[in-house]
Amino acid sequence: MLIPCPHCGERPHSEFTYGGDATLRRPPDPALASDEAWLDYLYIRANPRGPHREYWHHTLGCERWIEVRRDTLTHRIAGASATGARRESRS
């Protein structure tokens, strides 16, 4: 699988580390969020079949985070865009 890094061009997926679902959003007010809201955000995941947005970190390249649009059934990559983040951990 080749991932089109917006900074480095098309690169093999082995240069990247999967960073998770790009559609998840933190609770709007973290201090007031219930335990159930945090549980849902941190652990409850859908397993989508088809087009999906994901974060990938170009670990062995530019060290930037990108958002990849990938079909989880076929692994076809529809594109990628920059997120602006660099050298941070999403785990």
PDB file of N, CA and C in Angstrom:
ATOM      1  N   MET A   1       0.844  -1.161   0.000  1.00  0.00           N
ATOM      2  CA  MET A   1       0.000   0.000   0.000  1.00  0.00           C
ATOM      3  C   MET A   1       0.896   1.232   0.000  1.00  0.00           C
ATOM      4  N   LEU A   2       0.640   2.144  -0.904  1.00  0.00           N
ATOM      5  CA  LEU A   2       1.387   3.393  -0.992  1.00  0.00           C
ATOM      6  C   LEU A   2       0.524   4.528  -0.457  1.00  0.00           C
ATOM      7  N   ILE A   3       1.118   5.368   0.382  1.00  0.00           N
ATOM      8  CA  ILE A   3       0.408   6.496   0.974  1.00  0.00           C
ATOM      9  C   ILE A   3       0.979   7.783   0.376  1.00  0.00           C
ATOM     10  N   PRO A   4       0.112   8.651  -0.161  1.00  0.00           N
ATOM     11  CA  PRO A   4       0.596   9.898  -0.772  1.00  0.00           C
ATOM     12  C   PRO A   4       0.821  10.983   0.283  1.00  0.00           C
ATOM     13  N   CYS A   5       2.010  11.044   0.828  1.00  0.00           N
ATOM     14  CA  CYS A   5       2.342  12.069   1.819  1.00  0.00           C
ATOM     15  C   CYS A   5       2.331  13.429   1.112  1.00  0.00           C
ATOM     16  N   PRO A   6       1.570  14.411   1.635  1.00  0.00           N
ATOM     17  CA  PRO A   6       1.533  15.724   0.991  1.00  0.00           C
ATOM     18  C   PRO A   6       2.869  16.457   1.042  1.00  0.00           C
ATOM     19  N   HIS A   7       3.792  15.997   1.895  1.00  0.00           N
ATOM     20  CA  HIS A   7       5.085  16.655   2.046  1.00  0.00           C
ATOM     21  C   HIS A   7       6.202  15.931   1.291  1.00  0.00           C
ATOM     22  N   CYS A   8       6.104  14.588   1.181  1.00  0.00           N
ATOM     23  CA  CYS A   8       7.194  13.787   0.626  1.00  0.00           C
ATOM     24  C   CYS A   8       6.827  13.051  -0.660  1.00  0.00           C
ATOM     25  N   GLY A   9       5.559  13.054  -1.025  1.00  0.00           N
ATOM     26  CA  GLY A   9       5.129  12.287  -2.190  1.00  0.00           C
ATOM     27  C   GLY A   9       4.698  10.882  -1.784  1.00  0.00           C
ATOM     28  N   GLU A  10       4.462  10.062  -2.755  1.00  0.00           N
ATOM     29  CA  GLU A  10       3.974   8.704  -2.508  1.00  0.00           C
ATOM     30  C   GLU A  10       5.067   7.837  -1.873  1.00  0.00           C
ATOM     31  N   ARG A  11       4.724   7.225  -0.725  1.00  0.00           N
ATOM     32  CA  ARG A  11       5.700   6.438   0.028  1.00  0.00           C
ATOM     33  C   ARG A  11       5.053   5.131   0.480  1.00  0.00           C
ATOM     34  N   PRO A  12       5.841   4.069   0.707  1.00  0.00           N
ATOM     35  CA  PRO A  12       5.277   2.793   1.181  1.00  0.00           C
ATOM     36  C   PRO A  12       4.702   2.946   2.595  1.00  0.00           C
ATOM     37  N   HIS A  13       3.626   2.226   2.866  1.00  0.00           N
ATOM     38  CA  HIS A  13       2.965   2.329   4.175  1.00  0.00           C
ATOM     39  C   HIS A  13       3.886   1.926   5.329  1.00  0.00           C
ATOM     40  N   SER A  14       4.931   1.170   5.053  1.00  0.00           N
ATOM     41  CA  SER A  14       5.859   0.745   6.113  1.00  0.00           C
ATOM     42  C   SER A  14       6.621   1.930   6.720  1.00  0.00           C
ATOM     43  N   GLU A  15       6.602   3.095   6.071  1.00  0.00           N
ATOM     44  CA  GLU A  15       7.243   4.291   6.620  1.00  0.00           C
ATOM     45  C   GLU A  15       6.335   5.016   7.610  1.00  0.00           C
ATOM     46  N   PHE A  16       5.085   4.590   7.699  1.00  0.00           N
ATOM     47  CA  PHE A  16       4.084   5.287   8.496  1.00  0.00           C
ATOM     48  C   PHE A  16       3.651   4.467   9.702  1.00  0.00           C
ATOM     49  N   THR A  17       3.116   5.167  10.693  1.00  0.00           N
ATOM     50  CA  THR A  17       2.492   4.540  11.851  1.00  0.00           C
ATOM     51  C   THR A  17       1.036   4.992  11.880  1.00  0.00           C
ATOM     52  N   TYR A  18       0.129   4.030  12.009  1.00  0.00           N
ATOM     53  CA  TYR A  18      -1.294   4.341  12.061  1.00  0.00           C
ATOM     54  C   TYR A  18      -1.597   5.115  13.337  1.00  0.00           C
ATOM     55  N   GLY A  19      -2.369   6.189  13.208  1.00  0.00           N
ATOM     56  CA  GLY A  19      -2.653   7.032  14.360  1.00  0.00           C
ATOM     57  C   GLY A  19      -4.088   7.034  14.829  1.00  0.00           C
ATOM     58  N   GLY A  20      -4.969   6.353  14.122  1.00  0.00           N
ATOM     59  CA  GLY A  20      -6.341   6.261  14.599  1.00  0.00           C
ATOM     60  C   GLY A  20      -7.354   6.960  13.721  1.00  0.00           C
ATOM     61  N   ASP A  21      -8.572   6.914  14.193  1.00  0.00           N
ATOM     62  CA  ASP A  21      -9.753   7.440  13.511  1.00  0.00           C
ATOM     63  C   ASP A  21      -9.717   8.969  13.490  1.00  0.00           C
ATOM     64  N   ALA A  22      -9.754   9.560  12.313  1.00  0.00           N
ATOM     65  CA  ALA A  22      -9.707  11.022  12.192  1.00  0.00           C
ATOM     66  C   ALA A  22     -11.078  11.663  12.364  1.00  0.00           C
ATOM     67  N   THR A  23     -12.119  10.858  12.557  1.00  0.00           N
ATOM     68  CA  THR A  23     -13.457  11.426  12.727  1.00  0.00           C
ATOM     69  C   THR A  23     -13.834  11.605  14.194  1.00  0.00           C
ATOM     70  N   LEU A  24     -13.043  11.065  15.120  1.00  0.00           N
ATOM     71  CA  LEU A  24     -13.347  11.187  16.544  1.00  0.00           C
ATOM     72  C   LEU A  24     -13.087  12.607  17.028  1.00  0.00           C
ATOM     73  N   ARG A  25     -13.919  13.073  17.959  1.00  0.00           N
ATOM     74  CA  ARG A  25     -13.737  14.397  18.554  1.00  0.00           C
ATOM     75  C   ARG A  25     -13.752  14.269  20.068  1.00  0.00           C
ATOM     76  N   ARG A  26     -12.814  14.965  20.702  1.00  0.00           N
ATOM     77  CA  ARG A  26     -12.758  14.985  22.171  1.00  0.00           C
ATOM     78  C   ARG A  26     -14.040  15.603  22.713  1.00  0.00           C
ATOM     79  N   PRO A  27     -14.402  15.264  23.938  1.00  0.00           N
ATOM     80  CA  PRO A  27     -15.549  15.942  24.557  1.00  0.00           C
ATOM     81  C   PRO A  27     -15.304  17.456  24.543  1.00  0.00           C
ATOM     82  N   PRO A  28     -16.331  18.262  24.253  1.00  0.00           N
ATOM     83  CA  PRO A  28     -16.137  19.703  24.081  1.00  0.00           C
ATOM     84  C   PRO A  28     -15.574  20.413  25.317  1.00  0.00           C
ATOM     85  N   ASP A  29     -15.981  19.999  26.509  1.00  0.00           N
ATOM     86  CA  ASP A  29     -15.436  20.575  27.741  1.00  0.00           C
ATOM     87  C   ASP A  29     -14.871  19.424  28.575  1.00  0.00           C
ATOM     88  N   PRO A  30     -13.589  19.084  28.380  1.00  0.00           N
ATOM     89  CA  PRO A  30     -13.004  17.922  29.044  1.00  0.00           C
ATOM     90  C   PRO A  30     -13.198  17.887  30.557  1.00  0.00           C
ATOM     91  N   ALA A  31     -13.149  19.019  31.219  1.00  0.00           N
ATOM     92  CA  ALA A  31     -13.280  19.045  32.673  1.00  0.00           C
ATOM     93  C   ALA A  31     -14.683  18.656  33.130  1.00  0.00           C
ATOM     94  N   LEU A  32     -15.675  18.896  32.292  1.00  0.00           N
ATOM     95  CA  LEU A  32     -17.058  18.595  32.661  1.00  0.00           C
ATOM     96  C   LEU A  32     -17.570  17.291  32.066  1.00  0.00           C
ATOM     97  N   ALA A  33     -16.751  16.643  31.252  1.00  0.00           N
ATOM     98  CA  ALA A  33     -17.190  15.414  30.587  1.00  0.00           C
ATOM     99  C   ALA A  33     -17.360  14.289  31.609  1.00  0.00           C
ATOM    100  N   SER A  34     -18.398  13.503  31.402  1.00  0.00           N
ATOM    101  CA  SER A  34     -18.662  12.375  32.299  1.00  0.00           C
ATOM    102  C   SER A  34     -17.680  11.240  32.030  1.00  0.00           C
ATOM    103  N   ASP A  35     -17.600  10.322  32.975  1.00  0.00           N
ATOM    104  CA  ASP A  35     -16.771   9.130  32.781  1.00  0.00           C
ATOM    105  C   ASP A  35     -17.233   8.371  31.544  1.00  0.00           C
ATOM    106  N   GLU A  36     -18.546   8.315  31.326  1.00  0.00           N
ATOM    107  CA  GLU A  36     -19.092   7.613  30.156  1.00  0.00           C
ATOM    108  C   GLU A  36     -18.661   8.283  28.848  1.00  0.00           C
ATOM    109  N   ALA A  37     -18.631   9.621  28.826  1.00  0.00           N
ATOM    110  CA  ALA A  37     -18.182  10.345  27.627  1.00  0.00           C
ATOM    111  C   ALA A  37     -16.718  10.034  27.334  1.00  0.00           C
ATOM    112  N   TRP A  38     -15.879   9.992  28.390  1.00  0.00           N
ATOM    113  CA  TRP A  38     -14.459   9.664  28.200  1.00  0.00           C
ATOM    114  C   TRP A  38     -14.283   8.214  27.768  1.00  0.00           C
ATOM    115  N   LEU A  39     -15.074   7.313  28.357  1.00  0.00           N
ATOM    116  CA  LEU A  39     -15.020   5.907  27.968  1.00  0.00           C
ATOM    117  C   LEU A  39     -15.333   5.760  26.480  1.00  0.00           C
ATOM    118  N   ASP A  40     -16.391   6.411  26.039  1.00  0.00           N
ATOM    119  CA  ASP A  40     -16.765   6.355  24.626  1.00  0.00           C
ATOM    120  C   ASP A  40     -15.656   6.907  23.730  1.00  0.00           C
ATOM    121  N   TYR A  41     -15.092   8.063  24.119  1.00  0.00           N
ATOM    122  CA  TYR A  41     -14.053   8.696  23.309  1.00  0.00           C
ATOM    123  C   TYR A  41     -12.778   7.853  23.241  1.00  0.00           C
ATOM    124  N   LEU A  42     -12.369   7.296  24.378  1.00  0.00           N
ATOM    125  CA  LEU A  42     -11.097   6.585  24.430  1.00  0.00           C
ATOM    126  C   LEU A  42     -11.150   5.141  23.950  1.00  0.00           C
ATOM    127  N   TYR A  43     -12.270   4.440  24.168  1.00  0.00           N
ATOM    128  CA  TYR A  43     -12.267   3.000  23.939  1.00  0.00           C
ATOM    129  C   TYR A  43     -13.306   2.459  22.954  1.00  0.00           C
ATOM    130  N   ILE A  44     -14.424   3.118  22.811  1.00  0.00           N
ATOM    131  CA  ILE A  44     -15.484   2.578  21.966  1.00  0.00           C
ATOM    132  C   ILE A  44     -15.221   2.993  20.515  1.00  0.00           C
ATOM    133  N   ARG A  45     -15.023   2.014  19.671  1.00  0.00           N
ATOM    134  CA  ARG A  45     -14.693   2.286  18.268  1.00  0.00           C
ATOM    135  C   ARG A  45     -15.619   1.537  17.331  1.00  0.00           C
ATOM    136  N   ALA A  46     -15.969   2.223  16.258  1.00  0.00           N
ATOM    137  CA  ALA A  46     -16.686   1.578  15.175  1.00  0.00           C
ATOM    138  C   ALA A  46     -15.639   0.863  14.325  1.00  0.00           C
ATOM    139  N   ASN A  47     -16.048  -0.116  13.594  1.00  0.00           N
ATOM    140  CA  ASN A  47     -15.152  -0.805  12.669  1.00  0.00           C
ATOM    141  C   ASN A  47     -15.743  -0.602  11.276  1.00  0.00           C
ATOM    142  N   PRO A  48     -15.518   0.594  10.688  1.00  0.00           N
ATOM    143  CA  PRO A  48     -16.189   0.936   9.439  1.00  0.00           C
ATOM    144  C   PRO A  48     -15.743   0.065   8.269  1.00  0.00           C
ATOM    145  N   ARG A  49     -16.669  -0.167   7.399  1.00  0.00           N
ATOM    146  CA  ARG A  49     -16.387  -0.900   6.163  1.00  0.00           C
ATOM    147  C   ARG A  49     -16.624   0.064   5.019  1.00  0.00           C
ATOM    148  N   GLY A  50     -15.558   0.399   4.315  1.00  0.00           N
ATOM    149  CA  GLY A  50     -15.672   1.354   3.216  1.00  0.00           C
ATOM    150  C   GLY A  50     -14.831   2.591   3.465  1.00  0.00           C
ATOM    151  N   PRO A  51     -15.191   3.707   2.830  1.00  0.00           N
ATOM    152  CA  PRO A  51     -14.404   4.943   2.941  1.00  0.00           C
ATOM    153  C   PRO A  51     -14.330   5.435   4.384  1.00  0.00           C
ATOM    154  N   HIS A  52     -13.128   5.847   4.783  1.00  0.00           N
ATOM    155  CA  HIS A  52     -12.906   6.281   6.158  1.00  0.00           C
ATOM    156  C   HIS A  52     -11.744   7.265   6.185  1.00  0.00           C
ATOM    157  N   ARG A  53     -11.741   8.163   7.181  1.00  0.00           N
ATOM    158  CA  ARG A  53     -10.642   9.102   7.375  1.00  0.00           C
ATOM    159  C   ARG A  53      -9.814   8.645   8.564  1.00  0.00           C
ATOM    160  N   GLU A  54      -8.478   8.622   8.374  1.00  0.00           N
ATOM    161  CA  GLU A  54      -7.558   8.113   9.401  1.00  0.00           C
ATOM    162  C   GLU A  54      -6.359   9.039   9.544  1.00  0.00           C
ATOM    163  N   TYR A  55      -5.784   9.056  10.729  1.00  0.00           N
ATOM    164  CA  TYR A  55      -4.515   9.752  10.955  1.00  0.00           C
ATOM    165  C   TYR A  55      -3.374   8.756  10.757  1.00  0.00           C
ATOM    166  N   TRP A  56      -2.320   9.204  10.071  1.00  0.00           N
ATOM    167  CA  TRP A  56      -1.090   8.425   9.908  1.00  0.00           C
ATOM    168  C   TRP A  56       0.077   9.358  10.189  1.00  0.00           C
ATOM    169  N   HIS A  57       1.100   8.823  10.867  1.00  0.00           N
ATOM    170  CA  HIS A  57       2.308   9.586  11.172  1.00  0.00           C
ATOM    171  C   HIS A  57       3.426   9.091  10.266  1.00  0.00           C
ATOM    172  N   HIS A  58       4.054  10.017   9.540  1.00  0.00           N
ATOM    173  CA  HIS A  58       5.151   9.637   8.637  1.00  0.00           C
ATOM    174  C   HIS A  58       6.430   9.487   9.458  1.00  0.00           C
ATOM    175  N   THR A  59       6.497   8.403  10.186  1.00  0.00           N
ATOM    176  CA  THR A  59       7.552   8.129  11.152  1.00  0.00           C
ATOM    177  C   THR A  59       8.944   8.097  10.532  1.00  0.00           C
ATOM    178  N   LEU A  60       9.075   7.476   9.376  1.00  0.00           N
ATOM    179  CA  LEU A  60      10.394   7.333   8.745  1.00  0.00           C
ATOM    180  C   LEU A  60      10.586   8.317   7.595  1.00  0.00           C
ATOM    181  N   GLY A  61       9.853   9.422   7.644  1.00  0.00           N
ATOM    182  CA  GLY A  61       9.973  10.449   6.609  1.00  0.00           C
ATOM    183  C   GLY A  61      10.014  11.819   7.257  1.00  0.00           C
ATOM    184  N   CYS A  62       9.042  12.650   6.926  1.00  0.00           N
ATOM    185  CA  CYS A  62       9.005  14.035   7.385  1.00  0.00           C
ATOM    186  C   CYS A  62       8.556  14.188   8.838  1.00  0.00           C
ATOM    187  N   GLU A  63       8.138  13.101   9.476  1.00  0.00           N
ATOM    188  CA  GLU A  63       7.685  13.083  10.864  1.00  0.00           C
ATOM    189  C   GLU A  63       6.442  13.935  11.091  1.00  0.00           C
ATOM    190  N   ARG A  64       5.636  14.099  10.060  1.00  0.00           N
ATOM    191  CA  ARG A  64       4.397  14.876  10.185  1.00  0.00           C
ATOM    192  C   ARG A  64       3.189  13.954  10.209  1.00  0.00           C
ATOM    193  N   TRP A  65       2.116  14.455  10.831  1.00  0.00           N
ATOM    194  CA  TRP A  65       0.836  13.751  10.827  1.00  0.00           C
ATOM    195  C   TRP A  65       0.072  14.150   9.583  1.00  0.00           C
ATOM    196  N   ILE A  66      -0.582  13.195   8.965  1.00  0.00           N
ATOM    197  CA  ILE A  66      -1.427  13.470   7.810  1.00  0.00           C
ATOM    198  C   ILE A  66      -2.765  12.774   8.021  1.00  0.00           C
ATOM    199  N   GLU A  67      -3.776  13.259   7.301  1.00  0.00           N
ATOM    200  CA  GLU A  67      -5.083  12.612   7.319  1.00  0.00           C
ATOM    201  C   GLU A  67      -5.256  11.895   5.979  1.00  0.00           C
ATOM    202  N   VAL A  68      -5.497  10.602   6.051  1.00  0.00           N
ATOM    203  CA  VAL A  68      -5.609   9.764   4.852  1.00  0.00           C
ATOM    204  C   VAL A  68      -7.061   9.336   4.673  1.00  0.00           C
ATOM    205  N   ARG A  69      -7.550   9.424   3.448  1.00  0.00           N
ATOM    206  CA  ARG A  69      -8.875   8.915   3.103  1.00  0.00           C
ATOM    207  C   ARG A  69      -8.670   7.558   2.451  1.00  0.00           C
ATOM    208  N   ARG A  70      -9.071   6.483   3.189  1.00  0.00           N
ATOM    209  CA  ARG A  70      -8.804   5.120   2.750  1.00  0.00           C
ATOM    210  C   ARG A  70     -10.060   4.276   2.850  1.00  0.00           C
ATOM    211  N   ASP A  71     -10.239   3.389   1.875  1.00  0.00           N
ATOM    212  CA  ASP A  71     -11.328   2.425   1.921  1.00  0.00           C
ATOM    213  C   ASP A  71     -10.845   1.236   2.742  1.00  0.00           C
ATOM    214  N   THR A  72     -11.493   0.957   3.859  1.00  0.00           N
ATOM    215  CA  THR A  72     -11.039  -0.104   4.751  1.00  0.00           C
ATOM    216  C   THR A  72     -11.307  -1.495   4.198  1.00  0.00           C
ATOM    217  N   LEU A  73     -12.148  -1.591   3.186  1.00  0.00           N
ATOM    218  CA  LEU A  73     -12.429  -2.886   2.576  1.00  0.00           C
ATOM    219  C   LEU A  73     -11.391  -3.242   1.511  1.00  0.00           C
ATOM    220  N   THR A  74     -11.056  -2.271   0.677  1.00  0.00           N
ATOM    221  CA  THR A  74     -10.129  -2.526  -0.437  1.00  0.00           C
ATOM    222  C   THR A  74      -8.715  -1.991  -0.176  1.00  0.00           C
ATOM    223  N   HIS A  75      -8.546  -1.164   0.836  1.00  0.00           N
ATOM    224  CA  HIS A  75      -7.295  -0.461   1.155  1.00  0.00           C
ATOM    225  C   HIS A  75      -6.923   0.572   0.099  1.00  0.00           C
ATOM    226  N   ARG A  76      -7.834   0.887  -0.811  1.00  0.00           N
ATOM    227  CA  ARG A  76      -7.580   1.924  -1.821  1.00  0.00           C
ATOM    228  C   ARG A  76      -7.504   3.285  -1.131  1.00  0.00           C
ATOM    229  N   ILE A  77      -6.445   4.032  -1.423  1.00  0.00           N
ATOM    230  CA  ILE A  77      -6.246   5.362  -0.863  1.00  0.00           C
ATOM    231  C   ILE A  77      -6.840   6.383  -1.830  1.00  0.00           C
ATOM    232  N   ALA A  78      -7.760   7.202  -1.331  1.00  0.00           N
ATOM    233  CA  ALA A  78      -8.401   8.221  -2.161  1.00  0.00           C
ATOM    234  C   ALA A  78      -7.652   9.550  -2.093  1.00  0.00           C
ATOM    235  N   GLY A  79      -6.773   9.701  -1.110  1.00  0.00           N
ATOM    236  CA  GLY A  79      -6.003  10.934  -0.990  1.00  0.00           C
ATOM    237  C   GLY A  79      -5.538  11.150   0.427  1.00  0.00           C
ATOM    238  N   ALA A  80      -4.773  12.217   0.607  1.00  0.00           N
ATOM    239  CA  ALA A  80      -4.256  12.560   1.928  1.00  0.00           C
ATOM    240  C   ALA A  80      -4.068  14.059   2.008  1.00  0.00           C
ATOM    241  N   SER A  81      -4.144  14.590   3.218  1.00  0.00           N
ATOM    242  CA  SER A  81      -3.936  16.017   3.412  1.00  0.00           C
ATOM    243  C   SER A  81      -3.119  16.249   4.676  1.00  0.00           C
ATOM    244  N   ALA A  82      -2.471  17.405   4.722  1.00  0.00           N
ATOM    245  CA  ALA A  82      -1.641  17.767   5.872  1.00  0.00           C
ATOM    246  C   ALA A  82      -2.529  18.133   7.053  1.00  0.00           C
ATOM    247  N   THR A  83      -2.069  17.851   8.265  1.00  0.00           N
ATOM    248  CA  THR A  83      -2.802  18.245   9.472  1.00  0.00           C
ATOM    249  C   THR A  83      -2.127  19.404  10.187  1.00  0.00           C
ATOM    250  N   GLY A  84      -0.891  19.687   9.861  1.00  0.00           N
ATOM    251  CA  GLY A  84      -0.165  20.771  10.511  1.00  0.00           C
ATOM    252  C   GLY A  84       0.628  20.316  11.725  1.00  0.00           C
ATOM    253  N   ALA A  85       0.351  19.111  12.219  1.00  0.00           N
ATOM    254  CA  ALA A  85       1.059  18.631  13.413  1.00  0.00           C
ATOM    255  C   ALA A  85       2.399  18.005  13.042  1.00  0.00           C
ATOM    256  N   ARG A  86       3.361  18.145  13.939  1.00  0.00           N
ATOM    257  CA  ARG A  86       4.688  17.584  13.724  1.00  0.00           C
ATOM    258  C   ARG A  86       5.282  17.133  15.044  1.00  0.00           C
ATOM    259  N   ARG A  87       5.923  15.965  15.020  1.00  0.00           N
ATOM    260  CA  ARG A  87       6.634  15.415  16.176  1.00  0.00           C
ATOM    261  C   ARG A  87       5.775  15.367  17.433  1.00  0.00           C
ATOM    262  N   GLU A  88       4.547  14.939  17.325  1.00  0.00           N
ATOM    263  CA  GLU A  88       3.720  14.731  18.510  1.00  0.00           C
ATOM    264  C   GLU A  88       3.163  13.321  18.468  1.00  0.00           C
ATOM    265  N   SER A  89       2.750  12.843  19.595  1.00  0.00           N
ATOM    266  CA  SER A  89       2.187  11.490  19.673  1.00  0.00           C
ATOM    267  C   SER A  89       0.674  11.570  19.759  1.00  0.00           C
ATOM    268  N   ARG A  90      -0.015  10.691  19.031  1.00  0.00           N
ATOM    269  CA  ARG A  90      -1.473  10.626  19.073  1.00  0.00           C
ATOM    270  C   ARG A  90      -1.930   9.417  19.867  1.00  0.00           C
ATOM    271  N   SER A  91      -1.034   8.646  20.412  1.00  0.00           N
ATOM    272  CA  SER A  91      -1.436   7.418  21.103  1.00  0.00           C
ATOM    273  C   SER A  91      -1.825   7.634  22.518  1.00  0.00           C
TER     274      SER A  91
END
